[in-house]
Protein backbone atom coordinates (compact mmCIF):
# COMPACT_ATOMS: atom_id res chain seq x y z
CA MET A 1 -0.19 -0.15 0.10
CA ARG A 2 1.54 3.31 -0.74
CA VAL A 3 2.44 5.61 2.35
CA ILE A 4 0.71 8.78 2.71
CA GLY A 5 1.69 11.47 4.52
CA GLY A 6 4.29 9.25 6.03
CA LYS A 7 2.01 6.54 7.42
CA LYS A 8 -0.07 3.85 6.14
CA ARG A 9 -4.06 4.00 5.97
CA ASP A 10 -5.15 0.27 7.51
CA ASP A 11 -9.04 1.98 8.12
CA LEU A 12 -10.04 1.04 4.19
CA LYS A 13 -13.34 -0.64 5.03
CA TYR A 14 -16.38 0.58 2.71
CA ALA A 15 -17.52 -1.17 -0.67
CA ASP A 16 -19.34 1.21 -3.42
CA LEU A 17 -20.14 -1.38 -6.04
CA HIS A 18 -21.98 0.56 -8.59
CA THR A 19 -19.78 3.75 -9.92
CA HIS A 20 -19.15 5.37 -13.44
CA THR A 21 -15.96 7.24 -14.80
CA THR A 22 -15.22 9.30 -17.92
CA PHE A 23 -15.26 6.23 -20.13
CA SER A 24 -19.18 6.54 -19.99
CA ASP A 25 -20.84 9.20 -18.50
CA GLY A 26 -18.99 10.08 -15.09
CA LEU A 27 -16.69 12.99 -14.29
CA LEU A 28 -14.32 11.46 -12.61
CA SER A 29 -11.39 9.52 -14.63
CA PRO A 30 -10.96 5.86 -13.22
CA GLU A 31 -7.67 6.96 -11.71
CA GLU A 32 -9.53 10.08 -9.64
CA LEU A 33 -12.60 7.96 -8.36
CA ILE A 34 -9.92 5.46 -6.91
CA GLN A 35 -8.48 8.69 -5.28
CA VAL A 36 -11.45 9.92 -3.70
CA ALA A 37 -12.44 6.34 -2.87
CA TYR A 38 -9.48 6.05 -0.63
CA ARG A 39 -9.67 9.39 1.01
CA ARG A 40 -13.51 8.77 2.03
CA LYS A 41 -11.87 5.20 3.33
CA TYR A 42 -13.60 2.88 0.46
CA LYS A 43 -11.75 -0.60 0.19
CA TYR A 44 -13.53 -2.25 -2.68
CA ILE A 45 -15.14 -0.21 -5.67
CA GLY A 46 -17.15 -1.83 -8.54
CA ILE A 47 -16.25 0.18 -11.61
CA THR A 48 -19.76 -0.47 -13.76
CA ASP A 49 -19.30 1.91 -16.62
CA HIS A 50 -22.16 1.73 -19.75
CA ASP A 51 -21.29 -1.14 -21.94
CA THR A 52 -17.76 -0.81 -21.47
CA LEU A 53 -14.66 -2.25 -19.18
CA SER A 54 -12.22 0.39 -20.80
CA GLY A 55 -12.10 1.93 -17.17
CA ILE A 56 -11.12 -1.12 -15.37
CA LYS A 57 -7.48 -1.73 -16.38
CA PRO A 58 -6.61 2.15 -15.24
CA ALA A 59 -8.57 1.60 -12.17
CA ARG A 60 -7.08 -1.33 -11.13
CA LYS A 61 -3.28 0.32 -11.95
CA GLU A 62 -4.23 2.71 -9.35
CA ALA A 63 -6.02 1.29 -7.12
CA SER A 64 -2.79 -1.30 -6.33
CA LYS A 65 -1.22 2.42 -5.02
CA TYR A 66 -3.94 2.12 -1.92
CA GLY A 67 -4.65 -1.22 -1.42
CA ILE A 68 -8.33 -0.68 -3.03
CA GLU A 69 -9.63 -3.71 -4.45
CA VAL A 70 -12.09 -3.14 -8.05
CA ILE A 71 -14.30 -5.18 -8.88
CA PRO A 72 -14.68 -5.50 -12.70
CA GLY A 73 -18.22 -5.03 -14.04
CA CYS A 74 -20.35 -2.79 -16.83
CA GLU A 75 -24.04 -1.77 -17.04
CA LEU A 76 -25.64 -2.76 -19.55
CA THR A 77 -29.29 -1.82 -21.21
CA ALA A 78 -32.64 -3.99 -21.59
CA TYR A 79 -36.10 -3.43 -22.65
CA TYR A 80 -38.73 -5.32 -21.15
CA TYR A 81 -41.96 -3.82 -22.67
CA ASN A 82 -40.65 -1.00 -24.31
CA ASN A 83 -39.64 0.18 -20.89
CA GLU A 84 -35.83 0.70 -19.86
CA MET A 85 -33.89 -1.35 -17.49
CA HIS A 86 -30.58 -1.48 -16.35
CA ILE A 87 -28.46 -4.73 -15.57
CA LEU A 88 -25.07 -4.74 -14.05
CA ALA A 89 -22.59 -7.53 -15.16
CA TYR A 90 -20.28 -7.87 -12.29
CA PHE A 91 -17.05 -9.99 -12.39
CA VAL A 92 -16.99 -9.87 -16.08
CA GLU A 93 -13.27 -9.28 -17.23
CA PRO A 94 -11.85 -7.14 -20.13
CA GLY A 95 -10.54 -8.68 -23.30
CA ASN A 96 -13.41 -11.44 -22.26
CA PRO A 97 -13.89 -11.96 -26.35
CA TYR A 98 -17.75 -12.93 -26.39
CA LEU A 99 -18.82 -10.13 -24.06
CA GLU A 100 -16.45 -7.63 -25.83
CA GLU A 101 -18.47 -8.36 -29.34
CA TYR A 102 -21.43 -7.26 -27.69
CA LEU A 103 -20.06 -4.20 -26.25
CA GLU A 104 -19.53 -3.12 -29.21
CA LYS A 105 -22.46 -3.45 -30.97
CA PHE A 106 -24.04 -1.83 -27.78
CA ARG A 107 -21.50 1.04 -28.02
CA LYS A 108 -22.24 1.60 -31.66
CA ALA A 109 -25.98 1.66 -31.27
CA ARG A 110 -25.39 4.43 -28.45
CA ILE A 111 -23.48 6.64 -30.86
CA GLU A 112 -25.95 6.51 -33.66
CA ARG A 113 -28.63 7.24 -31.20
CA ALA A 114 -26.46 10.31 -29.19
CA LYS A 115 -26.36 11.63 -32.83
CA GLU A 116 -29.84 11.09 -33.28
CA ILE A 117 -31.14 12.92 -29.91
CA ILE A 118 -28.79 16.02 -31.25
CA HIS A 119 -30.75 16.36 -34.19
CA LYS A 120 -34.07 16.31 -32.55
CA LEU A 121 -32.40 19.11 -29.87
CA ASN A 122 -31.38 20.83 -33.33
CA LYS A 123 -34.56 21.13 -34.60
CA VAL A 124 -36.20 23.09 -31.24
CA GLY A 125 -33.57 25.09 -30.59
CA ILE A 126 -30.92 23.47 -28.69
CA ALA A 127 -27.70 24.16 -30.60
CA ILE A 128 -25.41 21.59 -29.61
CA ASN A 129 -22.70 19.33 -31.70
CA PHE A 130 -22.01 15.65 -31.62
CA ASP A 131 -18.55 16.66 -32.44
CA ASP A 132 -18.17 18.73 -29.71
CA ILE A 133 -19.41 16.58 -27.44
CA ILE A 134 -16.83 13.38 -28.73
CA LYS A 135 -13.91 16.06 -28.33
CA LYS A 136 -14.79 17.61 -24.57
CA TYR A 137 -15.72 13.72 -23.03
CA LYS A 138 -13.30 11.44 -25.16
CA SER A 139 -15.45 8.36 -23.76
CA ASP A 140 -16.41 4.83 -25.11
CA SER A 141 -19.71 5.27 -24.10
CA ILE A 142 -21.73 8.20 -24.98
CA GLY A 143 -25.09 8.37 -23.55
CA ARG A 144 -27.67 10.90 -22.44
CA PRO A 145 -25.77 12.68 -19.48
CA HIS A 146 -23.12 13.76 -21.70
CA ILE A 147 -25.71 15.27 -23.54
CA ALA A 148 -27.65 16.65 -20.34
CA ARG A 149 -24.43 18.23 -19.45
CA GLU A 150 -24.10 20.00 -22.92
CA ILE A 151 -27.46 21.54 -22.62
CA VAL A 152 -26.60 22.96 -19.29
CA SER A 153 -22.77 24.02 -20.14
CA ASN A 154 -24.86 25.93 -23.36
CA GLY A 155 -26.99 27.81 -21.20
CA TYR A 156 -29.94 26.52 -21.85
CA GLU A 157 -30.68 24.54 -18.65
CA THR A 158 -29.33 25.12 -15.31
CA ASP A 159 -29.00 21.57 -13.91
CA MET A 160 -28.81 18.30 -15.80
CA GLN A 161 -31.73 16.89 -13.88
CA GLU A 162 -33.99 19.74 -15.99
CA ALA A 163 -32.39 19.34 -18.77
CA PHE A 164 -33.47 15.47 -18.84
CA LYS A 165 -37.10 16.20 -17.70
CA LYS A 166 -37.63 18.93 -20.23
CA TYR A 167 -35.36 16.98 -23.11
CA LEU A 168 -34.34 13.62 -22.74
CA LEU A 169 -37.13 11.51 -20.72
CA PRO A 170 -39.89 9.54 -22.78
CA GLY A 171 -42.53 11.64 -24.69
CA LYS A 172 -39.94 14.69 -24.68
CA PRO A 173 -38.19 16.51 -27.54
CA GLY A 174 -35.12 14.85 -27.66
CA TYR A 175 -36.19 11.58 -26.47
CA VAL A 176 -34.74 8.69 -28.37
CA PRO A 177 -35.36 5.00 -27.84
CA LYS A 178 -32.21 2.78 -27.14
CA PHE A 179 -31.05 -0.35 -28.88
CA MET A 180 -33.74 -3.01 -28.13
CA ILE A 181 -32.56 -6.29 -26.63
CA SER A 182 -34.44 -8.20 -23.69
CA PRO A 183 -33.55 -8.46 -20.49
CA HIS A 184 -33.40 -12.45 -21.29
CA ASP A 185 -31.07 -11.98 -23.75
CA ILE A 186 -28.74 -9.50 -21.77
CA ILE A 187 -28.27 -11.89 -18.08
CA ASP A 188 -27.61 -14.63 -20.57
CA ILE A 189 -25.07 -12.83 -22.29
CA ILE A 190 -24.05 -12.12 -18.67
CA LEU A 191 -23.80 -15.76 -17.39
CA LYS A 192 -22.58 -16.76 -20.81
CA SER A 193 -19.59 -14.24 -20.03
CA GLY A 194 -19.06 -15.92 -16.42
CA GLY A 195 -20.61 -12.66 -14.97
CA VAL A 196 -23.20 -12.09 -12.07
CA PRO A 197 -26.59 -10.35 -13.32
CA VAL A 198 -27.92 -7.90 -11.13
CA PHE A 199 -31.30 -5.58 -11.47
CA ALA A 200 -29.97 -2.26 -10.62
CA HIS A 201 -31.89 0.59 -9.39
CA PRO A 202 -35.04 -1.21 -8.44
CA TYR A 203 -36.36 2.23 -6.85
CA TYR A 204 -37.23 3.64 -10.90
CA TYR A 205 -39.43 0.73 -11.92
CA PHE A 206 -43.03 0.43 -11.46
CA ASN A 207 -44.47 -3.00 -10.65
CA VAL A 208 -41.19 -3.60 -9.64
CA GLU A 209 -41.83 -7.02 -8.15
CA ASN A 210 -43.30 -8.20 -11.44
CA ILE A 211 -40.18 -7.38 -13.12
CA VAL A 212 -37.96 -8.76 -10.81
CA SER A 213 -40.47 -12.23 -10.67
CA LYS A 214 -39.97 -12.52 -14.43
CA LEU A 215 -35.95 -11.81 -14.17
CA SER A 216 -35.07 -14.53 -11.53
CA LYS A 217 -36.47 -16.79 -13.87
CA TYR A 218 -34.60 -15.79 -16.59
CA GLY A 219 -31.22 -16.14 -14.36
CA LEU A 220 -30.84 -12.97 -12.24
CA LYS A 221 -29.12 -13.40 -9.49
CA GLY A 222 -28.83 -10.46 -7.80
CA LEU A 223 -30.52 -7.34 -6.62
CA GLU A 224 -29.60 -3.81 -6.12
CA VAL A 225 -31.02 -3.48 -2.79
CA TYR A 226 -28.61 -0.32 -1.65
CA HIS A 227 -28.44 3.03 -3.78
CA SER A 228 -28.15 6.91 -3.84
CA TYR A 229 -31.89 6.85 -4.62
CA HIS A 230 -33.41 4.27 -1.83
CA SER A 231 -34.68 5.70 0.99
CA PRO A 232 -34.53 3.29 4.37
CA ASP A 233 -37.98 2.04 3.73
CA LEU A 234 -36.83 1.17 -0.30
CA VAL A 235 -34.25 -0.36 1.22
CA ARG A 236 -36.27 -2.82 3.63
CA LYS A 237 -38.89 -3.41 0.59
CA PHE A 238 -35.95 -4.56 -1.67
CA LYS A 239 -34.23 -6.96 1.26
CA LYS A 240 -37.85 -8.63 1.08
CA MET A 241 -37.75 -8.89 -2.48
CA ALA A 242 -34.37 -10.02 -2.70
CA LYS A 243 -34.66 -12.74 -0.12
CA LYS A 244 -38.04 -13.81 -1.50
CA TYR A 245 -36.61 -14.47 -5.25
CA ASN A 246 -33.75 -15.76 -3.73
CA LEU A 247 -31.06 -13.17 -5.20
CA ILE A 248 -28.25 -11.62 -3.68
CA GLU A 249 -28.14 -8.09 -2.18
CA THR A 250 -25.97 -5.67 -3.61
CA GLY A 251 -25.68 -1.80 -3.83
CA GLY A 252 -23.75 1.03 -4.66
CA SER A 253 -24.36 4.92 -5.41
CA ASP A 254 -24.00 5.08 -8.79
CA ALA A 255 -21.88 7.61 -8.64
CA HIS A 256 -21.19 10.02 -11.63
CA SER A 257 -19.51 12.89 -9.98
CA ASN A 258 -17.31 13.74 -6.93
CA PHE A 259 -18.70 13.68 -3.58
CA ASN A 260 -19.30 17.51 -3.18
CA GLU A 261 -21.39 17.72 -6.31
CA LYS A 262 -25.16 17.37 -7.07
CA TYR A 263 -25.62 14.69 -9.76
CA LEU A 264 -25.03 11.31 -7.99
CA PRO A 265 -22.17 11.78 -6.18
CA PHE A 266 -19.42 9.37 -4.94
CA GLY A 267 -20.03 8.62 -1.20
CA LYS A 268 -23.75 8.31 -0.75
CA VAL A 269 -23.76 4.33 -0.28
CA ALA A 270 -21.25 2.85 1.97
CA LEU A 271 -21.32 -0.81 2.49
CA ASN A 272 -19.59 -3.57 4.80
CA HIS A 273 -17.00 -6.35 2.73
CA ASN A 274 -19.72 -9.02 3.16
CA ILE A 275 -21.21 -7.48 0.66
CA VAL A 276 -18.79 -8.37 -1.61
CA THR A 277 -17.93 -11.88 -0.26
CA ASN A 278 -21.38 -12.56 -1.01
CA LEU A 279 -21.28 -11.73 -4.69
CA ARG A 280 -17.33 -13.33 -4.55
CA ARG A 281 -18.78 -16.83 -3.57
CA LEU A 282 -21.87 -16.61 -6.10
CA ARG A 283 -19.44 -15.79 -9.02
CA ASP A 284 -17.38 -18.95 -7.57
CA HIS A 285 -20.13 -20.84 -7.26
CA LEU A 286 -21.47 -20.01 -10.95
CA LYS A 287 -18.16 -20.08 -12.50
CA TYR A 288 -16.48 -23.25 -10.45
CA GLY A 289 -19.08 -25.16 -9.33
CA THR A 290 -18.01 -23.80 -5.67
CA LYS A 291 -20.37 -23.90 -2.78
CA ILE A 292 -22.17 -21.11 -1.55
């Protein structure tokens, strides 16, 4: 472990299994995210960028200086009765040829979607440019948060959430649906890649138990019980749901920015190591047939 200020930090203890970096739609580079995690006493960080594993290697290199473990992952999008949903893939490694083939398809679809969104926004007077966004963010996975930030930086709205509400949600002038793939197919891709599929931020969905029930039959293995937007009541609700459908509990902040910023800041969720231990045991069971 790196010696900081003349002494070791042996008090790293927290886990956050859902974070984003500049390789998708986060504001912190993998290195910056690890540095922030270290300062805030995190031992385990799940890097779960959208449709890419490119942030894993630089995050691990930086994490090795601090005694932090990076849990590799990514966040994938599926559609269930035309409603978008996100499924986290844990313990999928960069360079997995089976998974990378799909990720490349998803990234290309993201680029086409972003171009179409910007075209629609231009039609309603929002003068932003796709090439400017690519130059500014240099991301593997361009998405709506990049476009929302550009709307704000060009003075059309005061914050990202307002930009989303006014322009980028279903029914709004700039909305374009994502590449359509079923949750059954996404879960199958994750399992065949040696990963653990987990349903992300269930607070977001109407009739969530019906969705979780169906997804568990498709091979879903976990539920994100803890999230920045989950109240104590929701946590209790999702804990019961996870138990009912034999799903492990996971959690994370869904961080897209630093701890002192407004939009999904890092540090909102701090879990203990049992979350990581249980997730690793399930990975070993699925991959190697070990007992849980």
